[in-house]
Protein backbone atom coordinates (compact mmCIF):
# COMPACT_ATOMS: atom_id res chain seq x y z
CA UNK A 1 82.56 88.68 107.97
CA UNK A 2 86.02 89.35 109.24
CA UNK A 3 88.29 91.99 107.69
CA UNK A 4 90.75 90.93 105.15
CA UNK A 5 94.04 92.87 105.15
CA UNK A 6 96.37 93.45 102.15
CA UNK A 7 99.88 94.48 102.75
CA UNK A 8 102.53 95.55 100.22
CA UNK A 9 105.73 97.59 100.21
CA UNK A 10 105.80 100.52 97.85
CA UNK A 11 108.42 103.12 96.82
CA UNK A 12 108.01 106.14 94.35
CA UNK A 13 111.42 106.39 92.62
CA UNK A 14 113.16 109.67 92.30
CA UNK A 15 112.82 109.62 88.52
CA UNK A 16 109.08 109.52 88.60
CA UNK A 17 107.77 111.96 86.00
CA UNK A 18 105.43 113.89 88.49
CA UNK A 19 108.38 114.97 90.65
CA UNK A 20 110.17 117.62 88.82
CA UNK A 21 107.44 120.17 89.04
CA UNK A 22 106.31 119.07 92.50
CA UNK A 23 108.37 121.02 93.97
CA UNK A 24 111.63 122.02 92.23
CA UNK A 25 114.66 121.48 94.35
CA UNK A 26 112.69 119.62 97.11
CA UNK A 27 110.52 117.03 95.57
CA UNK A 28 107.35 115.69 97.20
CA UNK A 29 105.42 112.75 96.02
CA UNK A 30 101.97 114.16 94.74
CA UNK A 31 98.97 112.62 96.66
CA UNK A 32 97.24 111.54 93.45
CA UNK A 33 100.37 109.32 92.75
CA UNK A 34 100.07 107.73 96.29
CA UNK A 35 96.37 107.10 95.68
CA UNK A 36 97.25 105.60 92.31
CA UNK A 37 99.55 103.13 93.91
CA UNK A 38 96.89 102.16 96.40
CA UNK A 39 94.46 101.52 93.54
CA UNK A 40 97.23 99.33 91.86
CA UNK A 41 97.56 97.28 94.92
CA UNK A 42 93.73 96.48 94.92
CA UNK A 43 93.90 95.77 91.22
CA UNK A 44 96.89 93.29 91.65
CA UNK A 45 95.04 91.59 94.50
CA UNK A 46 92.00 91.04 92.08
CA UNK A 47 89.57 93.31 94.04
CA UNK A 48 88.84 95.57 90.87
CA UNK A 49 88.83 99.40 90.74
CA UNK A 50 87.66 101.99 93.18
CA UNK A 51 84.34 103.21 92.81
CA UNK A 52 85.12 106.26 94.94
CA UNK A 53 87.47 107.67 97.80
CA UNK A 54 85.28 108.62 100.61
CA UNK A 55 87.90 110.34 102.79
CA UNK A 56 91.68 110.77 102.64
CA UNK A 57 93.97 112.53 105.06
CA UNK A 58 97.53 113.29 104.10
CA UNK A 59 99.50 113.39 107.63
CA UNK A 60 103.09 113.80 106.32
CA UNK A 61 104.92 114.46 103.07
CA UNK A 62 106.33 111.50 101.33
CA UNK A 63 109.78 111.92 99.64
CA UNK A 64 111.01 109.99 96.58
CA UNK A 65 112.74 106.92 97.45
CA UNK A 66 111.03 106.47 100.89
CA UNK A 67 109.86 102.90 101.46
CA UNK A 68 106.10 102.85 102.31
CA UNK A 69 104.05 99.96 103.80
CA UNK A 70 100.70 99.97 102.28
CA UNK A 71 97.93 98.50 104.38
CA UNK A 72 94.38 97.98 103.07
CA UNK A 73 91.66 96.50 105.29
CA UNK A 74 88.64 95.19 103.51
CA UNK A 75 85.22 94.21 105.20
CA UNK A 76 81.66 93.71 103.79
CA UNK A 77 81.07 97.50 103.44
CA UNK A 78 84.25 99.54 103.23
CA UNK A 79 87.97 99.72 102.51
CA UNK A 80 90.30 101.35 104.99
CA UNK A 81 93.88 102.12 103.74
CA UNK A 82 96.93 103.63 105.06
CA UNK A 83 100.56 104.21 104.05
CA UNK A 84 103.28 104.10 106.74
CA UNK A 85 106.91 105.12 106.52
CA UNK A 86 109.16 103.89 109.47
CA UNK A 87 105.96 102.84 111.24
CA UNK A 88 104.34 106.28 111.07
CA UNK A 89 101.12 106.78 109.27
CA UNK A 90 101.70 109.36 106.43
CA UNK A 91 98.25 108.82 104.75
CA UNK A 92 94.97 107.21 105.72
CA UNK A 93 91.59 106.99 104.13
CA UNK A 94 88.44 105.08 103.27
CA UNK A 95 86.99 103.98 99.90
CA UNK A 96 84.41 101.83 98.14
CA UNK A 97 85.03 99.22 95.30
CA UNK A 98 83.26 99.52 91.91
């Protein structure tokens, strides 16, 4: 089976409720918010919920308002996902569907 790739543009707005406490004066988008957005891309594509995240690596902070390109590659056994900002990978990981 060849891999299927989902692509979607994401952005976490500056008024997201998680930002005021993360970190005051210099907000950074929490990793859990980014992972939730990836799960939402999967749900919108009709692939269902995640069973587990097997590995994730946060490579650079994501700031409110930054445009992110979400890429999710799916094959018979695994999901590989990544978020890119201006072509640079800021998050990558692997997961399994429920």
